[in-house]
Amino acid sequence: MDIQYKIIGGDGVEYGPATLDELRSWILDGRVAGMTRVWRSDLAAWSAADRYSELLPDLARLHAAAVAQRARPCGFWARLAAYILDRFVLAAIFVAVWTPIAEPRHWKVPEFPQVITAASAEEFRQQAAIWMDHALPIFYPIFLVYDVLLTGRFGATFGKMVIGAKITLVDGAPITYRRALLRWLAARLSEFCFFFGYFMILTNPEKRALHDWLAGTRVVYTR
């Protein structure tokens, strides 16, 4: 025989019996909270809803959604400051990795010509193209690991930690490593379309960039 449930609603009235699926739908509808009194047929006893392990995932989602609604979205200028801070950190990491790789191979950073002529400008362009061919295959893996590991573990890169912000899923749940990777890839699209994806933060009340929409994330203040 299937286990049946009853609850004492906020109005003090007893509701049920109901199946587990029906009870879960009541949680999502906001009719059942952690302290709601719930009766289970096999126990023949009343306990708070959060004492039943089968109800905890739905109660946790409900709590995360409530927190997400109260969270204040992080705006464009704060996120720009975090973006710049992260680029400084990445530059320092890149130099530390690049130097021991580049020196034995005599890979040099192109020097801007002191006198700009058509010939010197063309030479600088060629040197820059060669440097980019060497640098980008080193920079982007560093960038990916930095962003995905920090975001997946802490919900924020160093820059976002400094401004007191973090990345969550739309429902307020913590971001996973898989979603962090998806967001990083989507952010490259935001950059490659002339940073238009970032300027979308200015155009919607949730202050979500293009990559936030694509990855199902949002950036909110933690304090």
N, C-alpha and C. Protein backbone atom coordinates (compact mmCIF):
# COMPACT_ATOMS: atom_id res chain seq x y z
N MET A 1 0.85 -1.20 0.00
CA MET A 1 0.00 0.00 0.00
C MET A 1 0.88 1.24 0.00
N ASP A 2 0.54 2.20 -0.84
CA ASP A 2 1.33 3.42 -0.93
C ASP A 2 1.21 4.23 0.35
N ILE A 3 2.30 4.90 0.69
CA ILE A 3 2.31 5.77 1.87
C ILE A 3 1.48 7.02 1.57
N GLN A 4 0.66 7.41 2.50
CA GLN A 4 -0.18 8.58 2.38
C GLN A 4 0.27 9.65 3.38
N TYR A 5 -0.02 10.90 3.03
CA TYR A 5 0.38 12.03 3.87
C TYR A 5 -0.83 12.93 4.15
N LYS A 6 -0.75 13.63 5.26
CA LYS A 6 -1.69 14.69 5.59
C LYS A 6 -0.90 15.88 6.10
N ILE A 7 -1.48 17.06 6.01
CA ILE A 7 -0.82 18.25 6.53
C ILE A 7 -1.81 19.08 7.34
N ILE A 8 -1.26 19.92 8.21
CA ILE A 8 -2.05 20.96 8.86
C ILE A 8 -1.70 22.26 8.16
N GLY A 9 -2.64 22.81 7.41
CA GLY A 9 -2.38 24.02 6.63
C GLY A 9 -2.19 25.25 7.50
N GLY A 10 -1.81 26.34 6.86
CA GLY A 10 -1.63 27.59 7.59
C GLY A 10 -2.89 28.10 8.24
N ASP A 11 -4.04 27.63 7.75
CA ASP A 11 -5.31 28.03 8.35
C ASP A 11 -5.74 27.10 9.48
N GLY A 12 -4.87 26.14 9.84
CA GLY A 12 -5.18 25.23 10.93
C GLY A 12 -6.06 24.06 10.54
N VAL A 13 -6.37 23.94 9.25
CA VAL A 13 -7.24 22.87 8.76
C VAL A 13 -6.39 21.70 8.28
N GLU A 14 -6.87 20.49 8.52
CA GLU A 14 -6.17 19.30 8.07
C GLU A 14 -6.51 19.02 6.60
N TYR A 15 -5.47 18.75 5.78
CA TYR A 15 -5.65 18.43 4.35
C TYR A 15 -5.03 17.07 4.06
N GLY A 16 -5.69 16.30 3.22
CA GLY A 16 -5.20 14.99 2.84
C GLY A 16 -6.31 13.96 2.98
N PRO A 17 -6.01 12.71 2.75
CA PRO A 17 -4.66 12.18 2.45
C PRO A 17 -4.18 12.56 1.04
N ALA A 18 -2.85 12.52 0.88
CA ALA A 18 -2.23 12.87 -0.39
C ALA A 18 -1.04 11.96 -0.62
N THR A 19 -0.71 11.74 -1.89
CA THR A 19 0.47 10.96 -2.23
C THR A 19 1.72 11.82 -2.09
N LEU A 20 2.87 11.19 -2.19
CA LEU A 20 4.13 11.94 -2.10
C LEU A 20 4.23 12.97 -3.22
N ASP A 21 3.84 12.59 -4.44
CA ASP A 21 3.90 13.53 -5.56
C ASP A 21 2.99 14.72 -5.32
N GLU A 22 1.81 14.47 -4.77
CA GLU A 22 0.88 15.57 -4.48
C GLU A 22 1.46 16.48 -3.39
N LEU A 23 2.08 15.87 -2.40
CA LEU A 23 2.68 16.67 -1.33
C LEU A 23 3.82 17.53 -1.86
N ARG A 24 4.62 16.97 -2.75
CA ARG A 24 5.70 17.75 -3.36
C ARG A 24 5.15 18.93 -4.15
N SER A 25 4.05 18.72 -4.85
CA SER A 25 3.44 19.83 -5.59
C SER A 25 2.93 20.90 -4.64
N TRP A 26 2.45 20.51 -3.45
CA TRP A 26 2.01 21.48 -2.45
C TRP A 26 3.19 22.31 -1.95
N ILE A 27 4.37 21.66 -1.83
CA ILE A 27 5.56 22.40 -1.42
C ILE A 27 5.91 23.46 -2.45
N LEU A 28 5.90 23.08 -3.72
CA LEU A 28 6.24 24.02 -4.79
C LEU A 28 5.20 25.13 -4.91
N ASP A 29 3.97 24.84 -4.50
CA ASP A 29 2.92 25.87 -4.52
C ASP A 29 2.99 26.79 -3.30
N GLY A 30 3.88 26.46 -2.37
CA GLY A 30 4.01 27.29 -1.18
C GLY A 30 3.05 26.94 -0.05
N ARG A 31 2.34 25.83 -0.19
CA ARG A 31 1.38 25.43 0.84
C ARG A 31 2.04 24.70 2.00
N VAL A 32 3.25 24.18 1.76
CA VAL A 32 3.98 23.43 2.78
C VAL A 32 5.37 24.05 2.95
N ALA A 33 5.73 24.37 4.19
CA ALA A 33 7.05 24.89 4.52
C ALA A 33 7.76 23.91 5.45
N GLY A 34 8.97 24.25 5.84
CA GLY A 34 9.74 23.34 6.66
C GLY A 34 9.08 22.98 7.98
N MET A 35 8.36 23.93 8.59
CA MET A 35 7.76 23.70 9.89
C MET A 35 6.31 23.24 9.81
N THR A 36 5.79 23.05 8.60
CA THR A 36 4.42 22.56 8.45
C THR A 36 4.30 21.16 9.06
N ARG A 37 3.25 20.93 9.81
CA ARG A 37 3.02 19.63 10.42
C ARG A 37 2.55 18.65 9.36
N VAL A 38 3.24 17.52 9.26
CA VAL A 38 2.95 16.50 8.24
C VAL A 38 2.77 15.15 8.94
N TRP A 39 1.75 14.43 8.53
CA TRP A 39 1.47 13.08 9.05
C TRP A 39 1.77 12.07 7.96
N ARG A 40 2.48 10.99 8.30
CA ARG A 40 2.79 9.93 7.34
C ARG A 40 2.17 8.63 7.82
N SER A 41 1.50 7.94 6.89
CA SER A 41 0.67 6.80 7.28
C SER A 41 1.46 5.65 7.91
N ASP A 42 2.68 5.40 7.42
CA ASP A 42 3.42 4.26 7.98
C ASP A 42 3.97 4.54 9.37
N LEU A 43 4.09 5.84 9.71
CA LEU A 43 4.56 6.20 11.04
C LEU A 43 3.41 6.52 11.98
N ALA A 44 2.27 6.90 11.38
CA ALA A 44 1.09 7.27 12.18
C ALA A 44 1.44 8.33 13.22
N ALA A 45 2.24 9.32 12.76
CA ALA A 45 2.66 10.37 13.69
C ALA A 45 2.83 11.67 12.91
N TRP A 46 2.70 12.79 13.63
CA TRP A 46 2.88 14.11 13.04
C TRP A 46 4.29 14.62 13.33
N SER A 47 4.94 15.15 12.32
CA SER A 47 6.26 15.76 12.48
C SER A 47 6.38 16.94 11.53
N ALA A 48 7.36 17.79 11.77
CA ALA A 48 7.61 18.91 10.85
C ALA A 48 8.04 18.37 9.49
N ALA A 49 7.68 19.08 8.43
CA ALA A 49 7.98 18.62 7.08
C ALA A 49 9.47 18.40 6.87
N ASP A 50 10.31 19.25 7.49
CA ASP A 50 11.75 19.11 7.27
C ASP A 50 12.37 17.94 8.03
N ARG A 51 11.54 17.14 8.72
CA ARG A 51 12.02 15.93 9.36
C ARG A 51 11.92 14.72 8.44
N TYR A 52 11.29 14.90 7.28
CA TYR A 52 11.13 13.80 6.32
C TYR A 52 12.16 13.96 5.21
N SER A 53 13.04 12.99 5.07
CA SER A 53 14.13 13.09 4.09
C SER A 53 13.61 13.20 2.66
N GLU A 54 12.48 12.57 2.35
CA GLU A 54 11.96 12.60 0.99
C GLU A 54 11.45 13.98 0.59
N LEU A 55 11.24 14.86 1.59
CA LEU A 55 10.73 16.20 1.29
C LEU A 55 11.84 17.25 1.27
N LEU A 56 13.03 16.91 1.76
CA LEU A 56 14.11 17.89 1.89
C LEU A 56 14.54 18.52 0.56
N PRO A 57 14.70 17.73 -0.54
CA PRO A 57 15.11 18.38 -1.80
C PRO A 57 14.13 19.45 -2.26
N ASP A 58 12.84 19.19 -2.16
CA ASP A 58 11.86 20.17 -2.60
C ASP A 58 11.81 21.37 -1.67
N LEU A 59 11.95 21.14 -0.37
CA LEU A 59 12.01 22.25 0.58
C LEU A 59 13.25 23.11 0.34
N ALA A 60 14.36 22.47 0.00
CA ALA A 60 15.60 23.22 -0.28
C ALA A 60 15.44 24.07 -1.52
N ARG A 61 14.80 23.52 -2.56
CA ARG A 61 14.57 24.31 -3.78
C ARG A 61 13.66 25.50 -3.49
N LEU A 62 12.64 25.27 -2.65
CA LEU A 62 11.73 26.36 -2.31
C LEU A 62 12.47 27.46 -1.56
N HIS A 63 13.35 27.05 -0.64
CA HIS A 63 14.14 28.03 0.12
C HIS A 63 15.09 28.80 -0.80
N ALA A 64 15.74 28.08 -1.71
CA ALA A 64 16.66 28.74 -2.65
C ALA A 64 15.93 29.73 -3.53
N ALA A 65 14.73 29.38 -3.96
CA ALA A 65 13.94 30.29 -4.80
C ALA A 65 13.57 31.54 -4.03
N ALA A 66 13.23 31.38 -2.73
CA ALA A 66 12.88 32.54 -1.91
C ALA A 66 14.08 33.45 -1.72
N VAL A 67 15.25 32.84 -1.50
CA VAL A 67 16.48 33.62 -1.35
C VAL A 67 16.80 34.35 -2.64
N ALA A 68 16.61 33.67 -3.77
CA ALA A 68 16.90 34.27 -5.08
C ALA A 68 16.02 35.48 -5.34
N GLN A 69 14.78 35.43 -4.92
CA GLN A 69 13.88 36.55 -5.13
C GLN A 69 14.31 37.77 -4.32
N ARG A 70 14.90 37.51 -3.14
CA ARG A 70 15.32 38.63 -2.29
C ARG A 70 16.70 39.17 -2.68
N ALA A 71 17.50 38.37 -3.40
CA ALA A 71 18.87 38.76 -3.74
C ALA A 71 18.88 39.97 -4.67
N ARG A 72 19.81 40.88 -4.44
CA ARG A 72 19.92 42.09 -5.26
C ARG A 72 20.86 41.83 -6.43
N PRO A 73 20.39 42.00 -7.67
CA PRO A 73 21.27 41.74 -8.82
C PRO A 73 22.43 42.71 -8.88
N CYS A 74 23.56 42.20 -9.35
CA CYS A 74 24.78 43.00 -9.47
C CYS A 74 24.77 43.75 -10.80
N GLY A 75 24.97 45.06 -10.76
CA GLY A 75 24.84 45.90 -11.94
C GLY A 75 26.07 45.95 -12.82
N PHE A 76 25.96 46.72 -13.89
CA PHE A 76 26.98 46.77 -14.93
C PHE A 76 28.33 47.27 -14.41
N TRP A 77 28.34 48.39 -13.68
CA TRP A 77 29.61 49.00 -13.31
C TRP A 77 30.36 48.15 -12.29
N ALA A 78 29.63 47.54 -11.36
CA ALA A 78 30.29 46.65 -10.40
C ALA A 78 30.87 45.44 -11.11
N ARG A 79 30.11 44.91 -12.06
CA ARG A 79 30.61 43.74 -12.80
C ARG A 79 31.79 44.13 -13.69
N LEU A 80 31.79 45.35 -14.21
CA LEU A 80 32.94 45.82 -15.00
C LEU A 80 34.19 45.90 -14.12
N ALA A 81 34.02 46.39 -12.88
CA ALA A 81 35.16 46.46 -11.96
C ALA A 81 35.69 45.05 -11.67
N ALA A 82 34.78 44.10 -11.47
CA ALA A 82 35.20 42.71 -11.22
C ALA A 82 35.92 42.14 -12.44
N TYR A 83 35.41 42.47 -13.62
CA TYR A 83 36.01 42.01 -14.88
C TYR A 83 37.45 42.51 -14.99
N ILE A 84 37.66 43.78 -14.69
CA ILE A 84 39.00 44.37 -14.78
C ILE A 84 39.94 43.73 -13.76
N LEU A 85 39.45 43.54 -12.54
CA LEU A 85 40.27 42.90 -11.50
C LEU A 85 40.69 41.50 -11.92
N ASP A 86 39.76 40.76 -12.49
CA ASP A 86 40.08 39.41 -12.94
C ASP A 86 41.12 39.43 -14.05
N ARG A 87 41.06 40.42 -14.92
CA ARG A 87 42.05 40.51 -16.00
C ARG A 87 43.44 40.79 -15.46
N PHE A 88 43.55 41.58 -14.40
CA PHE A 88 44.85 41.81 -13.78
C PHE A 88 45.39 40.52 -13.17
N VAL A 89 44.53 39.78 -12.49
CA VAL A 89 44.95 38.51 -11.90
C VAL A 89 45.39 37.54 -12.99
N LEU A 90 44.59 37.45 -14.05
CA LEU A 90 44.93 36.55 -15.16
C LEU A 90 46.24 36.95 -15.82
N ALA A 91 46.46 38.26 -15.96
CA ALA A 91 47.71 38.73 -16.57
C ALA A 91 48.91 38.28 -15.74
N ALA A 92 48.79 38.38 -14.41
CA ALA A 92 49.89 37.97 -13.53
C ALA A 92 50.15 36.47 -13.65
N ILE A 93 49.07 35.68 -13.68
CA ILE A 93 49.23 34.23 -13.83
C ILE A 93 49.83 33.90 -15.19
N PHE A 94 49.36 34.59 -16.22
CA PHE A 94 49.85 34.33 -17.57
C PHE A 94 51.35 34.61 -17.67
N VAL A 95 51.80 35.75 -17.13
CA VAL A 95 53.22 36.09 -17.18
C VAL A 95 54.05 35.03 -16.46
N ALA A 96 53.55 34.56 -15.32
CA ALA A 96 54.28 33.55 -14.55
C ALA A 96 54.42 32.24 -15.34
N VAL A 97 53.39 31.90 -16.11
CA VAL A 97 53.44 30.67 -16.91
C VAL A 97 54.18 30.90 -18.22
N TRP A 98 53.96 32.06 -18.83
CA TRP A 98 54.51 32.36 -20.15
C TRP A 98 56.04 32.47 -20.14
N THR A 99 56.57 33.15 -19.13
CA THR A 99 58.01 33.47 -19.13
C THR A 99 58.90 32.24 -19.26
N PRO A 100 58.75 31.20 -18.42
CA PRO A 100 59.64 30.04 -18.57
C PRO A 100 59.40 29.24 -19.86
N ILE A 101 58.24 29.43 -20.47
CA ILE A 101 57.99 28.75 -21.74
C ILE A 101 58.58 29.54 -22.90
N ALA A 102 58.44 30.86 -22.84
CA ALA A 102 58.83 31.71 -23.97
C ALA A 102 60.33 31.94 -24.07
N GLU A 103 61.00 32.12 -22.93
CA GLU A 103 62.42 32.49 -22.97
C GLU A 103 63.28 31.46 -23.69
N PRO A 104 63.16 30.16 -23.43
CA PRO A 104 64.01 29.20 -24.16
C PRO A 104 63.71 29.17 -25.66
N ARG A 105 62.50 29.57 -26.04
CA ARG A 105 62.11 29.53 -27.45
C ARG A 105 62.29 30.90 -28.12
N HIS A 106 62.75 31.89 -27.34
CA HIS A 106 63.01 33.24 -27.87
C HIS A 106 61.73 33.86 -28.45
N TRP A 107 60.62 33.62 -27.77
CA TRP A 107 59.37 34.28 -28.15
C TRP A 107 59.35 35.64 -27.46
N LYS A 108 59.34 36.67 -28.23
CA LYS A 108 59.42 38.02 -27.67
C LYS A 108 58.11 38.76 -27.86
N VAL A 109 57.80 39.61 -26.86
CA VAL A 109 56.63 40.48 -26.97
C VAL A 109 56.96 41.57 -27.99
N PRO A 110 56.08 41.82 -28.96
CA PRO A 110 56.38 42.84 -29.98
C PRO A 110 56.51 44.23 -29.37
N GLU A 111 57.49 44.97 -29.85
CA GLU A 111 57.72 46.33 -29.37
C GLU A 111 57.09 47.33 -30.33
N PHE A 112 56.34 48.25 -29.78
CA PHE A 112 55.69 49.26 -30.62
C PHE A 112 56.75 50.17 -31.22
N PRO A 113 56.68 50.44 -32.53
CA PRO A 113 57.73 51.24 -33.19
C PRO A 113 57.77 52.67 -32.66
N GLN A 114 58.98 53.19 -32.48
CA GLN A 114 59.14 54.57 -32.02
C GLN A 114 58.75 55.56 -33.11
N VAL A 115 59.05 55.18 -34.34
CA VAL A 115 58.66 56.02 -35.49
C VAL A 115 57.69 55.20 -36.33
N ILE A 116 56.49 55.71 -36.48
CA ILE A 116 55.46 54.97 -37.20
C ILE A 116 55.52 55.30 -38.68
N THR A 117 55.84 54.28 -39.44
CA THR A 117 55.80 54.37 -40.90
C THR A 117 55.02 53.16 -41.40
N ALA A 118 54.77 53.14 -42.67
CA ALA A 118 54.04 52.00 -43.22
C ALA A 118 54.82 50.72 -43.00
N ALA A 119 56.14 50.78 -43.16
CA ALA A 119 56.97 49.58 -43.00
C ALA A 119 57.03 49.13 -41.54
N SER A 120 57.22 50.12 -40.61
CA SER A 120 57.31 49.75 -39.19
C SER A 120 55.98 49.25 -38.66
N ALA A 121 54.90 49.83 -39.14
CA ALA A 121 53.58 49.38 -38.71
C ALA A 121 53.30 47.95 -39.18
N GLU A 122 53.71 47.65 -40.41
CA GLU A 122 53.52 46.31 -40.96
C GLU A 122 54.39 45.30 -40.21
N GLU A 123 55.61 45.70 -39.87
CA GLU A 123 56.49 44.80 -39.11
C GLU A 123 55.91 44.52 -37.73
N PHE A 124 55.37 45.58 -37.08
CA PHE A 124 54.76 45.39 -35.77
C PHE A 124 53.55 44.47 -35.87
N ARG A 125 52.75 44.63 -36.91
CA ARG A 125 51.57 43.78 -37.09
C ARG A 125 51.97 42.32 -37.24
N GLN A 126 53.03 42.07 -38.01
CA GLN A 126 53.49 40.69 -38.20
C GLN A 126 54.02 40.09 -36.90
N GLN A 127 54.79 40.90 -36.14
CA GLN A 127 55.32 40.42 -34.86
C GLN A 127 54.17 40.14 -33.88
N ALA A 128 53.17 41.01 -33.88
CA ALA A 128 52.02 40.82 -32.98
C ALA A 128 51.24 39.56 -33.35
N ALA A 129 51.11 39.31 -34.65
CA ALA A 129 50.39 38.11 -35.09
C ALA A 129 51.12 36.84 -34.65
N ILE A 130 52.47 36.86 -34.78
CA ILE A 130 53.26 35.71 -34.34
C ILE A 130 53.14 35.51 -32.83
N TRP A 131 53.22 36.64 -32.07
CA TRP A 131 53.11 36.55 -30.62
C TRP A 131 51.74 36.01 -30.20
N MET A 132 50.68 36.46 -30.86
CA MET A 132 49.34 35.98 -30.55
C MET A 132 49.22 34.48 -30.82
N ASP A 133 49.85 34.02 -31.89
CA ASP A 133 49.81 32.59 -32.20
C ASP A 133 50.44 31.76 -31.08
N HIS A 134 51.45 32.32 -30.44
CA HIS A 134 52.11 31.62 -29.34
C HIS A 134 51.36 31.80 -28.02
N ALA A 135 50.84 33.01 -27.80
CA ALA A 135 50.29 33.36 -26.49
C ALA A 135 48.89 32.82 -26.26
N LEU A 136 48.03 32.89 -27.27
CA LEU A 136 46.63 32.51 -27.06
C LEU A 136 46.46 31.04 -26.65
N PRO A 137 47.21 30.09 -27.25
CA PRO A 137 47.07 28.70 -26.79
C PRO A 137 47.50 28.48 -25.34
N ILE A 138 48.24 29.43 -24.78
CA ILE A 138 48.62 29.34 -23.37
C ILE A 138 47.62 30.11 -22.50
N PHE A 139 47.20 31.27 -22.98
CA PHE A 139 46.32 32.13 -22.18
C PHE A 139 44.94 31.52 -21.96
N TYR A 140 44.32 31.01 -23.03
CA TYR A 140 42.93 30.57 -22.90
C TYR A 140 42.76 29.35 -21.99
N PRO A 141 43.64 28.37 -22.00
CA PRO A 141 43.51 27.30 -21.00
C PRO A 141 43.64 27.81 -19.56
N ILE A 142 44.56 28.79 -19.34
CA ILE A 142 44.69 29.38 -18.02
C ILE A 142 43.39 30.09 -17.64
N PHE A 143 42.85 30.85 -18.57
CA PHE A 143 41.60 31.59 -18.37
C PHE A 143 40.47 30.63 -18.03
N LEU A 144 40.36 29.55 -18.78
CA LEU A 144 39.27 28.59 -18.57
C LEU A 144 39.38 27.94 -17.19
N VAL A 145 40.57 27.48 -16.83
CA VAL A 145 40.75 26.80 -15.54
C VAL A 145 40.48 27.78 -14.39
N TYR A 146 41.01 29.00 -14.50
CA TYR A 146 40.81 30.02 -13.47
C TYR A 146 39.33 30.28 -13.24
N ASP A 147 38.60 30.54 -14.31
CA ASP A 147 37.20 30.91 -14.20
C ASP A 147 36.32 29.75 -13.75
N VAL A 148 36.47 28.60 -14.40
CA VAL A 148 35.58 27.47 -14.12
C VAL A 148 35.84 26.89 -12.73
N LEU A 149 37.09 26.75 -12.34
CA LEU A 149 37.38 26.18 -11.02
C LEU A 149 36.88 27.08 -9.90
N LEU A 150 37.14 28.38 -9.99
CA LEU A 150 36.70 29.29 -8.94
C LEU A 150 35.18 29.42 -8.91
N THR A 151 34.58 29.54 -10.10
CA THR A 151 33.13 29.69 -10.16
C THR A 151 32.43 28.42 -9.69
N GLY A 152 32.92 27.26 -10.13
CA GLY A 152 32.30 26.01 -9.72
C GLY A 152 32.47 25.72 -8.25
N ARG A 153 33.60 26.15 -7.66
CA ARG A 153 33.87 25.86 -6.24
C ARG A 153 33.26 26.91 -5.32
N PHE A 154 33.43 28.19 -5.66
CA PHE A 154 33.00 29.26 -4.76
C PHE A 154 31.83 30.09 -5.30
N GLY A 155 31.46 29.88 -6.56
CA GLY A 155 30.40 30.69 -7.15
C GLY A 155 30.87 32.06 -7.58
N ALA A 156 32.18 32.30 -7.56
CA ALA A 156 32.69 33.63 -7.91
C ALA A 156 34.18 33.55 -8.22
N THR A 157 34.62 34.37 -9.17
CA THR A 157 36.04 34.57 -9.41
C THR A 157 36.58 35.56 -8.38
N PHE A 158 37.88 35.81 -8.39
CA PHE A 158 38.47 36.73 -7.43
C PHE A 158 37.83 38.12 -7.54
N GLY A 159 37.63 38.58 -8.76
CA GLY A 159 37.03 39.91 -8.95
C GLY A 159 35.65 40.01 -8.33
N LYS A 160 34.83 39.01 -8.52
CA LYS A 160 33.48 39.02 -7.95
C LYS A 160 33.52 38.89 -6.43
N MET A 161 34.49 38.13 -5.91
CA MET A 161 34.62 38.05 -4.45
C MET A 161 34.90 39.43 -3.86
N VAL A 162 35.75 40.19 -4.54
CA VAL A 162 36.14 41.52 -4.03
C VAL A 162 34.93 42.44 -3.96
N ILE A 163 34.05 42.40 -4.96
CA ILE A 163 32.88 43.30 -4.95
C ILE A 163 31.71 42.70 -4.19
N GLY A 164 31.88 41.50 -3.62
CA GLY A 164 30.82 40.90 -2.82
C GLY A 164 29.69 40.34 -3.64
N ALA A 165 30.00 39.71 -4.77
CA ALA A 165 28.98 39.14 -5.64
C ALA A 165 29.29 37.67 -5.92
N LYS A 166 28.27 36.95 -6.35
CA LYS A 166 28.47 35.55 -6.72
C LYS A 166 27.51 35.18 -7.84
N ILE A 167 27.82 34.09 -8.51
CA ILE A 167 27.01 33.59 -9.61
C ILE A 167 26.17 32.43 -9.08
N THR A 168 24.87 32.47 -9.36
CA THR A 168 23.99 31.38 -8.98
C THR A 168 23.15 31.00 -10.19
N LEU A 169 22.44 29.88 -10.07
CA LEU A 169 21.43 29.57 -11.07
C LEU A 169 20.26 30.53 -10.88
N VAL A 170 19.38 30.58 -11.85
CA VAL A 170 18.27 31.53 -11.80
C VAL A 170 17.40 31.30 -10.56
N ASP A 171 17.25 30.05 -10.15
CA ASP A 171 16.42 29.75 -8.98
C ASP A 171 17.16 29.92 -7.67
N GLY A 172 18.39 30.43 -7.72
CA GLY A 172 19.17 30.67 -6.51
C GLY A 172 20.05 29.52 -6.10
N ALA A 173 19.95 28.38 -6.77
CA ALA A 173 20.77 27.22 -6.43
C ALA A 173 22.24 27.49 -6.78
N PRO A 174 23.18 26.83 -6.08
CA PRO A 174 24.60 27.02 -6.39
C PRO A 174 24.93 26.57 -7.82
N ILE A 175 25.88 27.24 -8.43
CA ILE A 175 26.29 26.87 -9.78
C ILE A 175 27.20 25.65 -9.70
N THR A 176 27.12 24.77 -10.68
CA THR A 176 27.95 23.57 -10.74
C THR A 176 29.14 23.81 -11.67
N TYR A 177 30.13 22.90 -11.63
CA TYR A 177 31.27 23.02 -12.54
C TYR A 177 30.81 22.94 -13.99
N ARG A 178 29.87 22.06 -14.26
CA ARG A 178 29.37 21.92 -15.63
C ARG A 178 28.72 23.20 -16.11
N ARG A 179 27.90 23.81 -15.24
CA ARG A 179 27.25 25.07 -15.63
C ARG A 179 28.27 26.20 -15.72
N ALA A 180 29.29 26.16 -14.86
CA ALA A 180 30.35 27.17 -14.93
C ALA A 180 31.09 27.10 -16.26
N LEU A 181 31.33 25.88 -16.76
CA LEU A 181 31.97 25.72 -18.06
C LEU A 181 31.07 26.25 -19.17
N LEU A 182 29.79 25.94 -19.11
CA LEU A 182 28.84 26.45 -20.11
C LEU A 182 28.82 27.96 -20.09
N ARG A 183 28.83 28.55 -18.92
CA ARG A 183 28.80 30.01 -18.81
C ARG A 183 30.08 30.63 -19.36
N TRP A 184 31.22 29.99 -19.11
CA TRP A 184 32.48 30.52 -19.64
C TRP A 184 32.47 30.52 -21.16
N LEU A 185 31.99 29.44 -21.75
CA LEU A 185 31.91 29.37 -23.21
C LEU A 185 30.94 30.42 -23.75
N ALA A 186 29.80 30.59 -23.08
CA ALA A 186 28.82 31.58 -23.52
C ALA A 186 29.38 33.00 -23.38
N ALA A 187 30.22 33.23 -22.36
CA ALA A 187 30.81 34.55 -22.17
C ALA A 187 31.75 34.92 -23.31
N ARG A 188 32.38 33.95 -23.92
CA ARG A 188 33.23 34.25 -25.07
C ARG A 188 32.38 34.77 -26.23
N LEU A 189 31.15 34.25 -26.35
CA LEU A 189 30.23 34.79 -27.36
C LEU A 189 29.89 36.23 -27.04
N SER A 190 29.68 36.54 -25.76
CA SER A 190 29.39 37.92 -25.36
C SER A 190 30.54 38.85 -25.73
N GLU A 191 31.77 38.35 -25.66
CA GLU A 191 32.93 39.17 -26.01
C GLU A 191 33.11 39.29 -27.52
N PHE A 192 32.94 38.18 -28.23
CA PHE A 192 33.23 38.17 -29.66
C PHE A 192 32.23 38.97 -30.47
N CYS A 193 31.04 39.23 -29.92
CA CYS A 193 30.08 40.08 -30.64
C CYS A 193 30.24 41.52 -30.16
N PHE A 194 31.50 41.98 -30.12
CA PHE A 194 31.86 43.35 -29.75
C PHE A 194 31.34 43.72 -28.36
N PHE A 195 31.35 42.75 -27.44
CA PHE A 195 30.95 42.94 -26.05
C PHE A 195 29.49 43.34 -25.90
N PHE A 196 28.71 43.15 -26.96
CA PHE A 196 27.29 43.47 -26.88
C PHE A 196 26.60 42.67 -25.78
N GLY A 197 27.04 41.43 -25.61
CA GLY A 197 26.42 40.59 -24.58
C GLY A 197 26.53 41.16 -23.19
N TYR A 198 27.63 41.88 -22.91
CA TYR A 198 27.80 42.50 -21.59
C TYR A 198 26.91 43.72 -21.43
N PHE A 199 26.72 44.46 -22.51
CA PHE A 199 25.89 45.67 -22.42
C PHE A 199 24.42 45.33 -22.21
N MET A 200 24.05 44.07 -22.42
CA MET A 200 22.68 43.65 -22.13
C MET A 200 22.36 43.80 -20.64
N ILE A 201 23.40 43.85 -19.79
CA ILE A 201 23.18 44.05 -18.35
C ILE A 201 22.44 45.36 -18.11
N LEU A 202 22.67 46.33 -18.98
CA LEU A 202 22.05 47.65 -18.81
C LEU A 202 20.59 47.68 -19.25
N THR A 203 20.14 46.64 -19.95
CA THR A 203 18.84 46.72 -20.61
C THR A 203 17.74 45.91 -19.95
N ASN A 204 18.03 45.16 -18.88
CA ASN A 204 16.98 44.35 -18.25
C ASN A 204 17.07 44.48 -16.73
N PRO A 205 15.93 44.44 -16.03
CA PRO A 205 15.91 44.65 -14.58
C PRO A 205 16.66 43.59 -13.80
N GLU A 206 16.82 42.38 -14.35
CA GLU A 206 17.57 41.33 -13.67
C GLU A 206 19.07 41.50 -13.85
N LYS A 207 19.47 42.45 -14.72
CA LYS A 207 20.89 42.76 -14.96
C LYS A 207 21.68 41.52 -15.37
N ARG A 208 21.11 40.77 -16.30
CA ARG A 208 21.76 39.55 -16.79
C ARG A 208 22.38 39.81 -18.15
N ALA A 209 23.62 39.34 -18.32
CA ALA A 209 24.31 39.45 -19.60
C ALA A 209 23.84 38.33 -20.52
N LEU A 210 24.26 38.40 -21.78
CA LEU A 210 23.87 37.37 -22.75
C LEU A 210 24.26 35.99 -22.24
N HIS A 211 25.48 35.85 -21.71
CA HIS A 211 25.92 34.54 -21.26
C HIS A 211 25.15 34.07 -20.02
N ASP A 212 24.61 35.00 -19.24
CA ASP A 212 23.75 34.60 -18.12
C ASP A 212 22.44 33.99 -18.65
N TRP A 213 21.88 34.60 -19.68
CA TRP A 213 20.65 34.06 -20.27
C TRP A 213 20.90 32.69 -20.88
N LEU A 214 22.04 32.56 -21.57
CA LEU A 214 22.33 31.28 -22.24
C LEU A 214 22.63 30.17 -21.23
N ALA A 215 23.27 30.52 -20.12
CA ALA A 215 23.66 29.51 -19.14
C ALA A 215 22.65 29.33 -18.01
N GLY A 216 21.62 30.18 -17.97
CA GLY A 216 20.63 30.08 -16.91
C GLY A 216 21.17 30.52 -15.56
N THR A 217 21.98 31.59 -15.56
CA THR A 217 22.60 32.08 -14.33
C THR A 217 22.26 33.54 -14.10
N ARG A 218 22.62 34.01 -12.92
CA ARG A 218 22.52 35.43 -12.59
C ARG A 218 23.63 35.78 -11.62
N VAL A 219 23.98 37.06 -11.56
CA VAL A 219 25.02 37.53 -10.64
C VAL A 219 24.35 38.42 -9.60
N VAL A 220 24.50 38.05 -8.34
CA VAL A 220 23.83 38.77 -7.26
C VAL A 220 24.82 39.12 -6.17
N TYR A 221 24.45 40.12 -5.37
CA TYR A 221 25.29 40.50 -4.23
C TYR A 221 25.09 39.51 -3.09
N THR A 222 26.16 39.23 -2.38
CA THR A 222 26.08 38.34 -1.24
C THR A 222 26.01 39.10 0.07
N ARG A 223 26.16 40.41 -0.01
CA ARG A 223 26.08 41.23 1.21
C ARG A 223 25.50 42.58 0.89
